Amino acid sequence: MGNDVSVSASEFAFNDMQTHKFGSYSIEYSTFHVTEANHKFVKSSHINSSLTCFIYKSNEEAIANECLRNALVLKSVRHPSIVKFLDSIQQSWLTGIVTELVSPLEDYLPDLYPDEAVQGVHSICSALAFLHATAQLSHNNVCQRSLFCTSQGQWKLGGFELCRPFGQMSADVLKTVRTRLGDCAIDRDEAYVFSADRRDSFDLYCLGRTALDICDAIDAVRCSKLPDPQPQPQQQRRRQHLDQLRNLAKNCLCSASPTERTPAKRLQRHVAFSANCFTQLSGFLADFSLKSEDELRQFYVALKSRLFELPEGLVA
């Protein structure tokens, strides 16, 4: 499993190791610089690059190994909004995976614009749509601690250590997930109601709760800052986008009934996303090479006026 070439901990120059503690396991993660000494675990083309290492720990070795086994699904799951897997490591002192360079979303929340939050949640929704409709997988750990950002600000879904194929999902699996997460688990019983017809429902509920937490965090930061210098209509538009995201989370995702939660693939077209200028622009640019000359011409004609709808700091 992974690279079996022995390497010592001293060969990894981990930077500012952070820890997320859950009920029966913890994850330590940090960036590290790939050198001639430690590149045994990644392709030589990554030498002189910075990557991220996620280390799984538990008082029970079997649980740490299970986390790694589940996370290895990233080897075959590739999507623009899912953290990119590079390699796995299993040594006496380290059990984990190496990925592209990412940082926890929590580090960005204090400076996040509402438009970025809407676009970010849309990206995670896109990742879940792929997992559910194409890969037939349940993530089982959608929360702020599983969300990461690239240096370009793109949101990515990580935290796959509890991931299971749809065919393995059951009421007992959801009970195990709740135990594994401990105090970090959602504290609402309706989240853990299993539906054989809607095996995506747990992830959707978790996405809704996560979106609500992000909205609350942005509101808390905004209340602590000086008044927004933007013109009043633009402030109202920002407020409206955040309210639409909050309503989406409450009404489409956090229903007590699993069958009433909107599937991620359909959720991507919700007005909370389609009416957001930043999400529209980001989506167009993501498919830029596929656009026709007429679509490009219309895009450039409307670009200036649409940019004025966004906060100056976000455009910069």
Protein backbone atom coordinates (compact mmCIF):
# COMPACT_ATOMS: atom_id res chain seq x y z
CA MET A 1 0.00 0.00 0.00
CA GLY A 2 1.59 3.22 -1.11
CA ASN A 3 5.34 3.42 -1.32
CA ASP A 4 7.12 0.84 0.81
CA VAL A 5 10.54 2.50 0.72
CA SER A 6 11.54 3.29 4.28
CA VAL A 7 12.05 6.93 5.18
CA SER A 8 12.42 8.59 8.56
CA ALA A 9 10.27 11.34 10.00
CA SER A 10 13.24 13.69 10.03
CA GLU A 11 13.34 13.64 6.23
CA PHE A 12 9.97 15.41 6.10
CA ALA A 13 10.17 19.10 6.91
CA PHE A 14 6.54 19.54 7.96
CA ASN A 15 5.36 23.13 8.29
CA ASP A 16 2.92 24.20 11.03
CA MET A 17 1.30 20.83 11.64
CA GLN A 18 -2.44 21.19 12.34
CA THR A 19 -4.71 18.63 13.96
CA HIS A 20 -8.40 17.84 13.61
CA LYS A 21 -9.60 15.55 16.39
CA PHE A 22 -12.67 13.39 15.93
CA GLY A 23 -14.25 10.78 18.19
CA SER A 24 -12.07 7.73 17.54
CA TYR A 25 -9.36 9.15 15.31
CA SER A 26 -7.52 12.34 14.43
CA ILE A 27 -5.98 13.82 11.30
CA GLU A 28 -2.74 15.74 11.32
CA TYR A 29 -1.97 17.65 8.17
CA SER A 30 0.75 19.95 6.99
CA THR A 31 2.53 21.18 3.93
CA PHE A 32 5.96 19.81 3.21
CA HIS A 33 8.58 20.56 0.61
CA VAL A 34 9.57 17.73 -1.71
CA THR A 35 13.32 17.17 -1.68
CA GLU A 36 15.74 14.62 -3.08
CA ALA A 37 15.57 12.85 0.29
CA ASN A 38 11.81 12.43 0.64
CA HIS A 39 10.60 12.30 -2.96
CA LYS A 40 10.49 8.50 -2.71
CA PHE A 41 6.79 8.92 -1.92
CA VAL A 42 5.86 11.11 -4.88
CA LYS A 43 6.87 11.45 -8.51
CA SER A 44 10.26 12.98 -9.09
CA SER A 45 8.55 15.72 -11.11
CA HIS A 46 7.31 17.12 -7.79
CA ILE A 47 10.82 17.82 -6.46
CA ASN A 48 11.05 21.42 -5.25
CA SER A 49 7.24 21.56 -4.98
CA SER A 50 5.14 22.00 -1.86
CA LEU A 51 2.45 19.40 -1.19
CA THR A 52 0.11 18.49 1.67
CA CYS A 53 0.32 15.35 3.81
CA PHE A 54 -2.67 14.01 5.76
CA ILE A 55 -1.71 11.65 8.61
CA TYR A 56 -4.31 9.38 10.22
CA LYS A 57 -3.91 8.54 13.92
CA SER A 58 -5.94 6.53 16.43
CA ASN A 59 -5.47 4.64 19.67
CA GLU A 60 -6.57 1.65 17.62
CA GLU A 61 -4.28 0.84 14.70
CA ALA A 62 -7.15 -0.85 12.87
CA ILE A 63 -9.11 2.43 12.77
CA ALA A 64 -6.14 4.40 11.40
CA ASN A 65 -5.65 1.74 8.72
CA GLU A 66 -9.36 1.83 7.90
CA CYS A 67 -9.18 5.61 7.47
CA LEU A 68 -6.34 5.14 5.01
CA ARG A 69 -8.15 2.39 3.09
CA ASN A 70 -11.24 4.55 2.71
CA ALA A 71 -9.22 7.63 1.73
CA LEU A 72 -7.49 5.66 -1.02
CA VAL A 73 -10.68 5.99 -3.04
CA LEU A 74 -9.11 9.31 -4.08
CA LYS A 75 -6.76 7.32 -6.31
CA SER A 76 -9.64 6.62 -8.68
CA VAL A 77 -11.90 9.61 -7.98
CA ARG A 78 -10.81 12.63 -10.03
CA HIS A 79 -12.81 15.84 -10.12
CA PRO A 80 -11.85 19.55 -10.23
CA SER A 81 -13.53 20.12 -6.85
CA ILE A 82 -12.00 17.10 -5.06
CA VAL A 83 -8.54 17.23 -3.47
CA LYS A 84 -6.08 15.62 -5.91
CA PHE A 85 -4.43 12.44 -4.58
CA LEU A 86 -0.72 11.87 -5.31
CA ASP A 87 0.37 8.94 -3.15
CA SER A 88 -0.15 7.05 0.10
CA ILE A 89 2.35 6.43 2.89
CA GLN A 90 2.35 3.60 5.40
CA GLN A 91 5.32 3.52 7.73
CA SER A 92 5.69 2.57 11.39
CA TRP A 93 5.52 6.26 12.28
CA LEU A 94 3.15 7.53 9.59
CA THR A 95 -0.10 6.37 7.95
CA GLY A 96 -1.54 8.82 5.47
CA ILE A 97 -1.81 10.29 2.00
CA VAL A 98 -0.02 12.98 0.00
CA THR A 99 -2.10 15.42 -2.06
CA GLU A 100 -1.82 18.62 -4.01
CA LEU A 101 -1.09 21.71 -1.92
CA VAL A 102 -4.24 22.81 -0.08
CA SER A 103 -5.08 24.76 3.06
CA PRO A 104 -8.12 24.38 5.37
CA LEU A 105 -11.12 26.52 4.45
CA GLU A 106 -11.26 27.66 8.09
CA ASP A 107 -8.12 29.74 7.44
CA TYR A 108 -9.98 31.73 4.75
CA LEU A 109 -13.34 32.28 6.47
CA PRO A 110 -12.45 35.61 8.17
CA ASP A 111 -11.79 37.24 4.78
CA LEU A 112 -14.44 35.48 2.73
CA TYR A 113 -16.91 37.45 0.61
CA PRO A 114 -20.52 36.16 0.43
CA ASP A 115 -20.09 35.67 -3.33
CA GLU A 116 -17.09 33.42 -2.69
CA ALA A 117 -19.10 31.39 -0.20
CA VAL A 118 -21.88 30.82 -2.74
CA GLN A 119 -19.39 29.81 -5.42
CA GLY A 120 -17.51 27.61 -2.96
CA VAL A 121 -20.61 25.73 -1.83
CA HIS A 122 -21.51 25.30 -5.52
CA SER A 123 -18.09 23.69 -6.09
CA ILE A 124 -18.64 21.24 -3.21
CA CYS A 125 -22.12 20.54 -4.53
CA SER A 126 -20.53 19.72 -7.88
CA ALA A 127 -18.10 17.32 -6.18
CA LEU A 128 -20.97 15.55 -4.40
CA ALA A 129 -22.99 15.34 -7.61
CA PHE A 130 -20.05 13.50 -9.17
CA LEU A 131 -19.57 11.22 -6.15
CA HIS A 132 -23.26 10.32 -5.97
CA ALA A 133 -24.28 10.08 -9.63
CA THR A 134 -21.06 8.80 -11.21
CA ALA A 135 -18.88 7.17 -8.55
CA GLN A 136 -21.83 5.87 -6.47
CA LEU A 137 -20.07 6.86 -3.25
CA SER A 138 -21.24 8.40 0.03
CA HIS A 139 -18.65 10.78 1.51
CA ASN A 140 -20.02 10.56 5.09
CA ASN A 141 -17.94 13.45 6.46
CA VAL A 142 -19.04 16.65 4.74
CA CYS A 143 -18.19 19.46 7.16
CA GLN A 144 -15.98 22.54 7.36
CA ARG A 145 -13.05 20.38 8.46
CA SER A 146 -13.25 18.45 5.19
CA LEU A 147 -13.18 21.56 3.00
CA PHE A 148 -9.92 22.95 1.67
CA CYS A 149 -8.73 25.71 -0.64
CA THR A 150 -5.99 25.92 -3.24
CA SER A 151 -3.69 28.94 -3.45
CA GLN A 152 -6.03 30.25 -6.20
CA GLY A 153 -8.99 30.13 -3.81
CA GLN A 154 -10.73 27.12 -5.35
CA TRP A 155 -12.73 25.08 -2.84
CA LYS A 156 -12.06 21.35 -2.73
CA LEU A 157 -13.62 18.43 -0.90
CA GLY A 158 -11.28 16.26 1.19
CA GLY A 159 -11.76 14.17 4.32
CA PHE A 160 -12.56 10.86 2.60
CA GLU A 161 -11.57 8.65 5.55
CA LEU A 162 -15.20 7.61 6.20
CA CYS A 163 -16.19 7.22 2.55
CA ARG A 164 -18.24 4.14 1.56
CA PRO A 165 -19.74 2.80 -1.70
CA PHE A 166 -23.51 3.25 -1.91
CA GLY A 167 -23.87 -0.52 -1.88
CA GLN A 168 -22.36 -0.67 1.62
CA MET A 169 -24.44 2.12 3.14
CA SER A 170 -26.84 1.09 5.90
CA ALA A 171 -28.27 2.25 9.22
CA ASP A 172 -25.38 0.48 10.98
CA VAL A 173 -22.81 2.32 8.85
CA LEU A 174 -24.37 5.66 9.81
CA LYS A 175 -24.18 4.66 13.48
CA THR A 176 -20.48 3.84 13.00
CA VAL A 177 -19.91 7.20 11.30
CA ARG A 178 -21.54 8.98 14.24
CA THR A 179 -19.31 7.08 16.68
CA ARG A 180 -16.15 7.75 14.65
CA LEU A 181 -16.87 11.49 14.54
CA GLY A 182 -17.78 11.76 18.23
CA ASP A 183 -18.43 15.34 19.34
CA CYS A 184 -17.78 16.51 15.77
CA ALA A 185 -20.80 14.58 14.50
CA ILE A 186 -24.05 16.33 13.61
CA ASP A 187 -26.20 16.29 16.74
CA ARG A 188 -29.55 15.91 14.96
CA ASP A 189 -31.08 12.41 14.90
CA GLU A 190 -32.88 13.04 11.58
CA ALA A 191 -29.50 13.25 9.85
CA TYR A 192 -28.89 9.56 10.54
CA VAL A 193 -32.20 8.20 9.25
CA PHE A 194 -31.18 5.70 6.57
CA SER A 195 -33.10 5.48 3.31
CA ALA A 196 -32.29 2.64 0.92
CA ASP A 197 -33.88 4.71 -1.86
CA ARG A 198 -31.80 7.83 -1.10
CA ARG A 199 -28.31 6.73 -0.12
CA ASP A 200 -27.08 10.27 -0.87
CA SER A 201 -29.30 11.81 1.80
CA PHE A 202 -26.77 11.85 4.66
CA ASP A 203 -24.22 13.79 2.59
CA LEU A 204 -26.89 16.27 1.52
CA TYR A 205 -27.97 16.94 5.10
CA CYS A 206 -24.33 17.46 6.09
CA LEU A 207 -23.83 19.85 3.18
CA GLY A 208 -26.82 21.87 4.35
CA ARG A 209 -25.53 22.12 7.90
CA THR A 210 -22.08 23.08 6.62
CA ALA A 211 -23.53 25.81 4.39
CA LEU A 212 -25.47 27.21 7.37
CA ASP A 213 -22.32 27.22 9.51
CA ILE A 214 -20.43 29.08 6.78
CA CYS A 215 -23.21 31.68 6.44
CA ASP A 216 -23.20 32.20 10.21
CA ALA A 217 -19.41 32.58 10.23
CA ILE A 218 -19.52 35.22 7.48
CA ASP A 219 -22.27 37.10 9.29
CA ALA A 220 -20.27 37.05 12.52
CA VAL A 221 -17.20 38.48 10.79
CA ARG A 222 -19.23 41.16 9.00
CA CYS A 223 -20.85 42.29 12.27
CA SER A 224 -17.42 42.73 13.84
CA LYS A 225 -16.08 44.89 10.99
CA LEU A 226 -16.68 48.50 9.95
CA PRO A 227 -19.65 49.20 7.66
CA ASP A 228 -19.21 48.04 4.06
CA PRO A 229 -18.10 51.04 1.91
CA GLN A 230 -19.97 49.67 -1.11
CA PRO A 231 -23.11 51.45 -2.36
CA GLN A 232 -26.28 50.32 -0.60
CA PRO A 233 -27.76 48.37 -3.60
CA GLN A 234 -24.60 46.25 -3.82
CA GLN A 235 -24.68 45.57 -0.08
CA GLN A 236 -28.27 44.44 -0.41
CA ARG A 237 -27.34 42.16 -3.31
CA ARG A 238 -24.58 40.54 -1.22
CA ARG A 239 -27.08 40.09 1.62
CA GLN A 240 -29.59 38.56 -0.76
CA HIS A 241 -27.08 36.00 -2.09
CA LEU A 242 -26.20 34.86 1.43
CA ASP A 243 -29.89 34.65 2.38
CA GLN A 244 -30.57 32.55 -0.73
CA LEU A 245 -27.78 30.17 0.23
CA ARG A 246 -29.14 29.90 3.76
CA ASN A 247 -32.66 29.22 2.46
CA LEU A 248 -31.33 26.58 0.09
CA ALA A 249 -29.62 24.82 2.97
CA LYS A 250 -32.70 24.90 5.20
CA ASN A 251 -35.37 24.09 2.64
CA CYS A 252 -33.61 21.77 0.17
CA LEU A 253 -31.01 19.95 2.27
CA CYS A 254 -31.94 19.86 5.95
CA SER A 255 -35.38 18.31 5.64
CA ALA A 256 -36.15 15.74 8.34
CA SER A 257 -37.20 13.35 5.56
CA PRO A 258 -34.28 11.90 3.51
CA THR A 259 -36.46 11.61 0.40
CA GLU A 260 -37.18 15.36 0.41
CA ARG A 261 -33.54 16.43 0.17
CA THR A 262 -32.68 17.76 -3.28
CA PRO A 263 -30.07 15.62 -5.11
CA ALA A 264 -26.75 17.40 -5.62
CA LYS A 265 -26.92 17.19 -9.42
CA ARG A 266 -30.25 19.04 -9.47
CA LEU A 267 -29.16 21.40 -6.70
CA GLN A 268 -26.40 22.81 -8.92
CA ARG A 269 -29.08 24.63 -10.96
CA HIS A 270 -30.76 26.22 -7.91
CA VAL A 271 -31.40 29.96 -8.13
CA ALA A 272 -29.04 30.54 -5.18
CA PHE A 273 -26.23 29.61 -7.59
CA SER A 274 -27.65 30.58 -10.99
CA ALA A 275 -28.47 34.13 -9.83
CA ASN A 276 -24.98 34.70 -8.41
CA CYS A 277 -22.72 36.69 -10.76
CA PHE A 278 -19.47 35.32 -9.37
CA THR A 279 -20.68 31.72 -9.74
CA GLN A 280 -21.80 32.42 -13.31
CA LEU A 281 -18.45 33.97 -14.26
CA SER A 282 -16.46 31.19 -12.59
CA GLY A 283 -18.51 28.53 -14.34
CA PHE A 284 -18.08 30.15 -17.73
CA LEU A 285 -14.33 30.50 -17.30
CA ALA A 286 -14.03 26.86 -16.20
CA ASP A 287 -15.48 25.82 -19.59
CA PHE A 288 -13.85 28.66 -21.53
CA SER A 289 -12.15 26.41 -24.11
CA LEU A 290 -15.49 24.78 -24.97
CA LYS A 291 -17.33 28.02 -25.73
CA SER A 292 -18.29 29.11 -29.26
CA GLU A 293 -17.14 32.41 -30.76
CA ASP A 294 -20.64 33.83 -30.31
CA GLU A 295 -20.73 32.81 -26.63
CA LEU A 296 -17.31 34.39 -26.07
CA ARG A 297 -18.38 37.61 -27.80
CA GLN A 298 -21.50 37.88 -25.61
CA PHE A 299 -19.42 37.15 -22.53
CA TYR A 300 -16.95 39.97 -23.20
CA VAL A 301 -19.70 42.45 -24.06
CA ALA A 302 -21.38 41.90 -20.68
CA LEU A 303 -18.19 41.40 -18.65
CA LYS A 304 -17.58 45.00 -17.55
CA SER A 305 -21.06 45.59 -16.17
CA ARG A 306 -21.05 42.22 -14.39
CA LEU A 307 -17.70 42.90 -12.74
CA PHE A 308 -19.13 46.09 -11.26
CA GLU A 309 -21.66 43.92 -9.42
CA LEU A 310 -18.83 42.28 -7.45
CA PRO A 311 -16.86 43.65 -4.47
CA GLU A 312 -13.69 45.44 -5.55
CA GLY A 313 -11.51 43.25 -3.34
CA LEU A 314 -12.94 40.09 -4.90
CA VAL A 315 -12.34 41.27 -8.46
CA ALA A 316 -8.76 42.24 -7.58
